[in-house]
Protein backbone atom coordinates (compact mmCIF):
# COMPACT_ATOMS: atom_id res chain seq x y z
CA UNK A 1 88.67 65.87 88.78
CA UNK A 2 89.20 69.62 88.39
CA UNK A 3 92.59 71.10 89.24
CA UNK A 4 92.68 73.34 92.34
CA UNK A 5 92.35 77.07 91.76
CA UNK A 6 95.91 77.91 92.69
CA UNK A 7 97.23 75.23 90.32
CA UNK A 8 95.19 76.65 87.43
CA UNK A 9 96.54 80.14 88.08
CA UNK A 10 100.11 78.87 88.50
CA UNK A 11 99.98 76.89 85.24
CA UNK A 12 98.49 79.86 83.38
CA UNK A 13 101.25 82.21 84.52
CA UNK A 14 104.01 79.70 83.76
CA UNK A 15 102.61 79.03 80.28
CA UNK A 16 102.54 82.71 79.46
CA UNK A 17 106.05 83.21 80.82
CA UNK A 18 107.35 80.56 78.41
CA UNK A 19 105.64 82.38 75.53
CA UNK A 20 106.76 85.86 76.54
CA UNK A 21 109.61 86.23 73.99
CA UNK A 22 107.10 86.48 71.14
CA UNK A 23 105.25 89.32 72.85
CA UNK A 24 108.35 91.11 74.09
CA UNK A 25 109.18 91.46 70.39
CA UNK A 26 105.68 92.76 69.70
CA UNK A 27 105.93 95.28 72.54
CA UNK A 28 109.30 96.57 71.37
CA UNK A 29 108.05 96.87 67.80
CA UNK A 30 105.11 98.99 68.99
CA UNK A 31 107.50 101.01 71.16
CA UNK A 32 109.74 101.68 68.19
CA UNK A 33 106.79 102.91 66.10
CA UNK A 34 104.77 105.15 68.45
CA UNK A 35 101.69 106.98 67.20
CA UNK A 36 99.84 109.94 68.68
CA UNK A 37 96.17 109.90 69.65
CA UNK A 38 93.68 109.17 66.84
CA UNK A 39 96.64 108.41 64.55
CA UNK A 40 97.35 104.86 65.76
CA UNK A 41 96.86 103.39 62.29
CA UNK A 42 99.81 101.00 62.31
CA UNK A 43 99.18 99.87 65.87
CA UNK A 44 95.46 99.32 65.42
CA UNK A 45 96.03 97.34 62.23
CA UNK A 46 98.61 95.17 64.01
CA UNK A 47 96.04 94.56 66.75
CA UNK A 48 93.19 93.84 64.35
CA UNK A 49 95.14 91.39 62.21
CA UNK A 50 96.41 89.53 65.28
CA UNK A 51 92.91 89.19 66.72
CA UNK A 52 91.52 87.96 63.41
CA UNK A 53 94.27 85.35 63.22
CA UNK A 54 93.26 84.06 66.66
CA UNK A 55 89.57 83.74 65.79
CA UNK A 56 88.07 86.98 67.12
CA UNK A 57 85.33 88.88 65.31
CA UNK A 58 87.05 92.23 64.75
CA UNK A 59 85.48 95.66 64.37
CA UNK A 60 87.73 98.52 63.28
CA UNK A 61 87.24 102.28 63.37
CA UNK A 62 85.31 102.72 66.62
CA UNK A 63 86.34 106.08 67.98
CA UNK A 64 88.52 106.70 64.94
CA UNK A 65 91.32 104.16 65.28
CA UNK A 66 89.77 101.99 68.00
CA UNK A 67 89.49 98.22 67.62
CA UNK A 68 87.19 95.73 69.35
CA UNK A 69 87.77 91.99 69.21
CA UNK A 70 84.85 89.81 70.28
CA UNK A 71 84.93 86.13 71.20
CA UNK A 72 81.77 84.20 72.07
CA UNK A 73 81.64 80.73 73.59
CA UNK A 74 78.84 78.57 74.93
CA UNK A 75 75.35 79.86 75.62
CA UNK A 76 76.07 82.13 78.56
CA UNK A 77 74.57 85.62 78.58
CA UNK A 78 77.28 87.31 80.65
CA UNK A 79 79.60 89.77 78.91
CA UNK A 80 82.86 91.32 80.03
CA UNK A 81 85.05 94.02 78.50
CA UNK A 82 88.79 94.54 78.92
CA UNK A 83 90.45 97.71 77.69
CA UNK A 84 94.00 98.63 76.67
CA UNK A 85 95.13 102.05 75.40
CA UNK A 86 97.36 102.42 72.32
CA UNK A 87 98.54 106.04 71.95
CA UNK A 88 101.93 107.63 72.59
CA UNK A 89 103.08 111.05 73.82
CA UNK A 90 104.74 114.10 72.20
CA UNK A 91 108.08 113.47 73.96
CA UNK A 92 111.57 113.04 72.51
CA UNK A 93 112.84 109.67 73.75
CA UNK A 94 116.13 109.65 75.67
CA UNK A 95 116.41 105.98 76.71
CA UNK A 96 119.16 105.03 74.25
CA UNK A 97 117.50 101.62 73.85
CA UNK A 98 118.01 99.66 70.62
CA UNK A 99 114.23 99.72 70.10
CA UNK A 100 113.84 103.44 70.90
CA UNK A 101 111.28 105.46 68.95
CA UNK A 102 112.07 105.99 65.29
CA UNK A 103 109.74 109.01 65.18
CA UNK A 104 111.28 112.27 66.36
CA UNK A 105 109.33 113.89 69.17
CA UNK A 106 106.96 110.94 69.71
CA UNK A 107 107.45 108.28 72.37
CA UNK A 108 105.65 105.56 74.32
CA UNK A 109 106.46 107.28 77.60
CA UNK A 110 103.43 105.96 79.49
CA UNK A 111 103.56 102.23 78.75
CA UNK A 112 100.61 101.98 76.41
CA UNK A 113 102.80 99.78 74.23
CA UNK A 114 102.93 97.39 77.18
CA UNK A 115 99.21 97.62 77.93
CA UNK A 116 98.37 96.78 74.32
CA UNK A 117 100.82 93.87 74.31
CA UNK A 118 99.57 92.41 77.60
CA UNK A 119 96.04 92.30 76.20
CA UNK A 120 97.22 90.83 72.89
CA UNK A 121 99.11 88.08 74.73
CA UNK A 122 95.97 87.40 76.78
CA UNK A 123 93.85 87.37 73.61
CA UNK A 124 95.98 84.64 72.07
CA UNK A 125 96.10 82.55 75.24
CA UNK A 126 92.34 82.88 75.84
CA UNK A 127 91.53 81.84 72.27
CA UNK A 128 93.75 78.77 72.52
CA UNK A 129 93.49 77.63 76.11
CA UNK A 130 90.76 79.27 78.24
CA UNK A 131 87.30 77.76 78.58
CA UNK A 132 84.49 80.22 79.31
CA UNK A 133 80.76 80.62 78.78
CA UNK A 134 79.67 84.03 77.52
CA UNK A 135 81.03 86.95 75.52
CA UNK A 136 84.44 88.60 75.76
CA UNK A 137 84.98 92.08 74.30
CA UNK A 138 88.60 93.23 74.00
CA UNK A 139 88.69 97.02 73.63
CA UNK A 140 91.81 98.61 72.15
CA UNK A 141 91.33 102.32 72.69
CA UNK A 142 92.94 105.29 70.94
CA UNK A 143 93.82 108.70 72.34
CA UNK A 144 93.83 108.27 76.10
CA UNK A 145 96.42 111.01 76.57
CA UNK A 146 94.15 114.01 77.03
CA UNK A 147 92.04 113.56 73.90
CA UNK A 148 89.25 111.46 75.38
CA UNK A 149 89.42 108.42 73.14
CA UNK A 150 87.22 106.48 75.58
CA UNK A 151 84.47 109.06 75.27
CA UNK A 152 84.80 109.03 71.47
CA UNK A 153 84.41 105.24 71.40
CA UNK A 154 81.29 105.53 73.54
CA UNK A 155 79.88 108.24 71.26
CA UNK A 156 80.46 105.83 68.37
CA UNK A 157 78.25 103.28 70.16
CA UNK A 158 80.84 101.09 71.88
CA UNK A 159 78.58 99.78 74.65
CA UNK A 160 75.49 99.68 72.44
CA UNK A 161 77.24 97.51 69.88
CA UNK A 162 79.26 95.58 72.49
CA UNK A 163 77.28 95.55 75.76
CA UNK A 164 79.33 94.70 78.84
CA UNK A 165 78.13 93.64 82.29
CA UNK A 166 81.50 94.81 83.61
CA UNK A 167 84.62 96.46 82.19
CA UNK A 168 88.21 96.35 83.44
CA UNK A 169 91.42 98.21 82.65
CA UNK A 170 95.05 98.15 83.81
CA UNK A 171 97.93 100.65 83.87
CA UNK A 172 101.56 100.16 84.83
CA UNK A 173 102.90 102.26 87.70
CA UNK A 174 106.57 102.92 88.51
CA UNK A 175 107.29 102.97 92.24
CA UNK A 176 105.52 99.68 92.97
CA UNK A 177 107.53 96.43 92.74
CA UNK A 178 107.35 94.82 89.32
CA UNK A 179 104.39 92.49 88.98
CA UNK A 180 102.58 93.60 92.13
CA UNK A 181 98.88 94.33 91.50
CA UNK A 182 97.32 97.43 93.04
CA UNK A 183 93.63 98.13 93.72
CA UNK A 184 91.34 100.70 95.24
CA UNK A 185 87.56 100.84 95.34
CA UNK A 186 85.88 104.23 95.16
CA UNK A 187 87.73 107.29 93.80
CA UNK A 188 91.10 106.09 92.46
CA UNK A 189 92.14 108.83 90.01
CA UNK A 190 91.36 112.53 89.92
CA UNK A 191 89.21 114.58 87.62
CA UNK A 192 91.14 116.84 85.27
CA UNK A 193 89.99 120.29 84.16
CA UNK A 194 91.75 122.86 82.00
CA UNK A 195 91.34 126.57 82.70
CA UNK A 196 92.49 129.57 80.69
CA UNK A 197 92.39 132.98 82.37
CA UNK A 198 92.87 135.93 80.03
CA UNK A 199 93.69 139.15 81.88
CA UNK A 200 93.19 142.27 79.79
CA UNK A 201 94.49 145.65 80.86
CA UNK A 202 95.83 148.71 79.10
CA UNK A 203 99.27 148.54 77.56
CA UNK A 204 101.81 151.29 77.89
CA UNK A 205 105.42 152.34 78.35
CA UNK A 206 107.23 150.69 81.24
CA UNK A 207 108.60 154.08 82.28
CA UNK A 208 105.13 155.53 82.92
CA UNK A 209 103.15 152.69 84.53
CA UNK A 210 100.56 155.10 85.92
CA UNK A 211 99.20 155.53 82.41
CA UNK A 212 98.64 151.79 81.96
CA UNK A 213 96.65 149.04 83.66
CA UNK A 214 99.15 146.22 84.13
CA UNK A 215 97.80 142.69 83.46
CA UNK A 216 101.08 141.13 84.68
CA UNK A 217 100.71 142.52 88.19
CA UNK A 218 97.05 141.48 88.25
CA UNK A 219 97.92 138.04 86.85
CA UNK A 220 100.58 137.59 89.53
CA UNK A 221 98.03 138.41 92.21
CA UNK A 222 95.67 135.88 90.69
CA UNK A 223 98.39 133.19 90.77
CA UNK A 224 99.01 133.80 94.48
CA UNK A 225 95.32 134.09 95.27
CA UNK A 226 94.53 130.78 93.62
CA UNK A 227 96.69 129.01 96.21
CA UNK A 228 94.34 130.18 98.94
CA UNK A 229 91.46 128.19 97.44
CA UNK A 230 93.03 124.84 98.34
CA UNK A 231 94.37 126.20 101.64
CA UNK A 232 91.22 127.98 102.82
CA UNK A 233 88.14 126.89 100.84
CA UNK A 234 88.60 123.13 100.41
CA UNK A 235 88.07 120.76 103.35
CA UNK A 236 91.58 119.82 104.56
CA UNK A 237 90.60 116.13 104.39
CA UNK A 238 89.76 116.39 100.68
CA UNK A 239 92.25 116.41 97.79
CA UNK A 240 92.50 119.36 95.43
CA UNK A 241 95.21 120.63 93.08
CA UNK A 242 95.40 123.97 91.29
CA UNK A 243 98.54 124.25 89.17
CA UNK A 244 99.37 127.29 87.06
CA UNK A 245 101.45 125.69 84.37
CA UNK A 246 101.74 128.65 82.02
CA UNK A 247 101.89 132.44 82.48
CA UNK A 248 102.51 134.32 79.24
CA UNK A 249 102.64 138.08 78.80
CA UNK A 250 104.65 140.64 76.88
CA UNK A 251 107.94 140.47 74.99
CA UNK A 252 109.93 143.57 75.91
CA UNK A 253 111.33 144.71 79.24
CA UNK A 254 110.10 148.29 78.83
CA UNK A 255 106.57 147.61 77.57
CA UNK A 256 103.54 146.88 79.70
CA UNK A 257 101.45 144.46 77.58
CA UNK A 258 97.72 144.59 77.14
CA UNK A 259 97.15 140.86 77.67
CA UNK A 260 98.40 138.23 80.12
CA UNK A 261 97.31 134.59 79.83
CA UNK A 262 97.33 131.97 82.58
CA UNK A 263 96.73 128.26 81.96
CA UNK A 264 95.75 125.99 84.83
CA UNK A 265 95.39 122.29 85.58
CA UNK A 266 92.72 121.62 88.21
CA UNK A 267 92.17 118.23 89.86
CA UNK A 268 90.03 116.66 92.58
CA UNK A 269 88.73 113.30 93.77
CA UNK A 270 85.25 114.50 94.70
CA UNK A 271 82.57 116.00 92.46
CA UNK A 272 81.48 118.48 95.13
CA UNK A 273 85.06 119.69 95.48
CA UNK A 274 85.30 119.89 91.69
CA UNK A 275 82.25 122.18 91.62
CA UNK A 276 83.68 124.30 94.44
CA UNK A 277 87.00 124.73 92.63
CA UNK A 278 85.33 125.98 89.49
CA UNK A 279 83.15 128.44 91.39
CA UNK A 280 86.02 129.86 93.44
CA UNK A 281 88.54 130.06 90.56
CA UNK A 282 86.14 132.06 88.42
CA UNK A 283 85.12 134.37 91.27
CA UNK A 284 88.67 134.93 92.54
CA UNK A 285 90.16 135.63 89.10
CA UNK A 286 87.50 138.19 88.24
CA UNK A 287 87.60 139.89 91.64
CA UNK A 288 91.40 140.10 91.72
CA UNK A 289 91.45 141.52 88.21
CA UNK A 290 88.85 144.13 89.08
CA UNK A 291 90.83 145.19 92.15
CA UNK A 292 93.76 146.02 89.84
CA UNK A 293 91.64 147.88 87.33
CA UNK A 294 91.72 145.19 84.63
CA UNK A 295 89.35 142.47 83.41
CA UNK A 296 89.64 138.67 83.56
CA UNK A 297 87.89 136.26 81.21
CA UNK A 298 87.81 132.66 82.46
CA UNK A 299 87.42 129.72 80.08
CA UNK A 300 86.75 126.62 82.19
CA UNK A 301 86.80 123.26 80.37
CA UNK A 302 85.85 120.11 82.26
CA UNK A 303 87.82 117.15 80.95
CA UNK A 304 88.21 113.68 82.46
CA UNK A 305 85.89 112.91 85.39
CA UNK A 306 86.86 111.28 88.67
CA UNK A 307 87.66 107.60 88.13
CA UNK A 308 85.40 105.72 90.54
CA UNK A 309 85.96 101.99 90.88
CA UNK A 310 82.84 99.97 91.67
CA UNK A 311 83.13 97.98 94.95
CA UNK A 312 81.70 94.66 93.74
CA UNK A 313 83.83 94.50 90.59
CA UNK A 314 86.92 95.67 92.49
CA UNK A 315 86.46 92.92 95.08
CA UNK A 316 86.22 90.40 92.26
CA UNK A 317 89.33 91.83 90.57
CA UNK A 318 91.27 91.65 93.87
CA UNK A 319 90.32 88.01 94.35
CA UNK A 320 91.58 87.17 90.86
CA UNK A 321 94.87 88.91 91.63
CA UNK A 322 95.39 87.08 94.92
CA UNK A 323 94.70 83.78 93.18
CA UNK A 324 97.27 84.59 90.51
CA UNK A 325 100.19 86.20 92.37
CA UNK A 326 99.40 85.62 96.06
CA UNK A 327 98.28 88.01 98.79
CA UNK A 328 101.81 89.26 99.44
CA UNK A 329 101.94 90.77 95.94
CA UNK A 330 98.52 92.45 96.05
CA UNK A 331 97.79 95.89 97.50
CA UNK A 332 94.07 95.79 98.23
CA UNK A 333 93.38 99.47 98.98
CA UNK A 334 96.08 101.81 97.71
CA UNK A 335 96.18 105.57 98.02
CA UNK A 336 94.30 107.47 95.34
CA UNK A 337 96.28 109.10 92.53
CA UNK A 338 96.12 112.72 91.43
CA UNK A 339 96.68 111.80 87.79
CA UNK A 340 93.70 111.33 85.49
CA UNK A 341 92.50 108.62 83.12
CA UNK A 342 89.69 108.56 80.58
CA UNK A 343 88.71 105.01 81.57
CA UNK A 344 86.64 107.05 84.04
CA UNK A 345 84.11 107.64 81.23
CA UNK A 346 83.62 103.88 80.85
CA UNK A 347 83.00 103.52 84.59
CA UNK A 348 80.31 106.20 84.50
CA UNK A 349 78.32 103.97 82.13
CA UNK A 350 79.36 100.39 83.04
CA UNK A 351 80.35 98.85 86.41
CA UNK A 352 83.99 97.89 86.58
CA UNK A 353 87.42 98.45 88.01
CA UNK A 354 90.78 99.93 87.05
CA UNK A 355 93.96 98.49 88.56
CA UNK A 356 97.70 99.06 88.47
CA UNK A 357 100.62 96.71 87.88
CA UNK A 358 103.94 97.69 89.41
CA UNK A 359 106.55 98.66 86.82
CA UNK A 360 109.43 98.41 89.30
CA UNK A 361 110.57 100.30 92.38
CA UNK A 362 114.14 101.00 91.30
CA UNK A 363 115.57 98.04 93.19
CA UNK A 364 117.67 95.40 91.45
CA UNK A 365 116.97 95.82 87.76
CA UNK A 366 116.83 99.61 87.67
CA UNK A 367 113.21 99.82 86.51
CA UNK A 368 110.81 102.07 88.33
CA UNK A 369 113.18 104.91 89.16
CA UNK A 370 111.78 106.73 86.13
CA UNK A 371 108.16 107.91 86.25
CA UNK A 372 105.82 107.80 83.27
CA UNK A 373 105.79 110.82 80.92
CA UNK A 374 109.57 111.02 81.25
CA UNK A 375 111.98 110.79 78.26
CA UNK A 376 113.86 107.99 80.03
CA UNK A 377 110.85 105.78 80.82
CA UNK A 378 110.43 102.20 79.55
CA UNK A 379 107.76 99.57 80.22
CA UNK A 380 108.97 96.51 82.16
CA UNK A 381 108.72 93.51 79.80
CA UNK A 382 108.43 91.08 82.72
CA UNK A 383 104.91 92.45 83.20
CA UNK A 384 103.72 91.07 79.86
CA UNK A 385 103.08 87.52 81.14
CA UNK A 386 101.75 88.86 84.47
CA UNK A 387 99.22 91.12 82.77
CA UNK A 388 98.29 88.49 80.20
CA UNK A 389 97.78 85.83 82.85
CA UNK A 390 95.73 88.23 84.95
CA UNK A 391 93.38 89.04 82.08
CA UNK A 392 93.11 85.37 81.11
CA UNK A 393 92.25 84.30 84.65
CA UNK A 394 89.80 87.17 85.08
CA UNK A 395 87.93 86.07 81.94
CA UNK A 396 87.87 82.46 83.10
CA UNK A 397 86.48 83.45 86.51
CA UNK A 398 84.03 86.08 85.32
CA UNK A 399 82.59 83.98 82.49
CA UNK A 400 82.69 80.70 84.38
């Protein structure tokens, strides 16, 4: 007689909890040796050697430092992919932890050390204890942090060499209780575009401004005008963000410079809004510049697309979560996030879903008060067995 579903999930989670010490050590080792995007040589080799030891067919070098571990069982034709990211950030760690980064100016400030470890723990458990019928592709991705490692893996033939009927990914999120699993079908994370506006005027002496054409004044008008796009051009029920993160011009108090440079981050959850933002930013910058007697050149670079979770795969992923941790620890339809994620590229080519695991809400153990990309951030090690059990159960259910 087969064990009931809830008993299978309960046993899986308890087994992985008893094995967590091994992988806490792995996570802290990765944390202590962070590597920037496309330079994850130590991490990817650790991953590859571990997968080989557990019986996976391992392919190195996809997308530079990417690794794929494949495990086939039975005669089933279904395939599933699970992705974890490996790269760190250019941040000086300030946690004071005994396993803090040993590389100055580089830190796992987004929890990719934890994501990699959760999938490694799942890989070992699946190889030893999970029956399935089909093909499992474990995707360890480089360079998620703004460099588009997912896209690079796809350009290197990821889904041609390792076809997937569905693909899943997970990210930790401070602010949600530790171990809670968070879902949303449809747009879940925003697109991310980078814009550089170069305003060129005529330099001159600060004492005789009438003989110059001031790019700082024009640039300031552009900054203020940009705020009207979200306020007056975008539907109030749609999300849009235009952030001027850098405004650089001049060096002396009595010199009007020739050039001012603005750098923007632009985000949306809707492709039509994304198109509108580009159109209006370009038009507004050029018109404002002209009104001040200067010129504006706009370089508009589209980066990560909107991350759209597929409904069918998200429903499946929710059901797995409720089986594992119970309905009271699952958020079925969370608010969308304005951050961005290059897993979106995968979802443009393959059906799938991207979920969150709570990293703590600041209650009790102190985790969660610190957001990702902060020098004081640390991944919550109690999530290692939760994430590993979730991936193990998802594989068992998807490749049943």
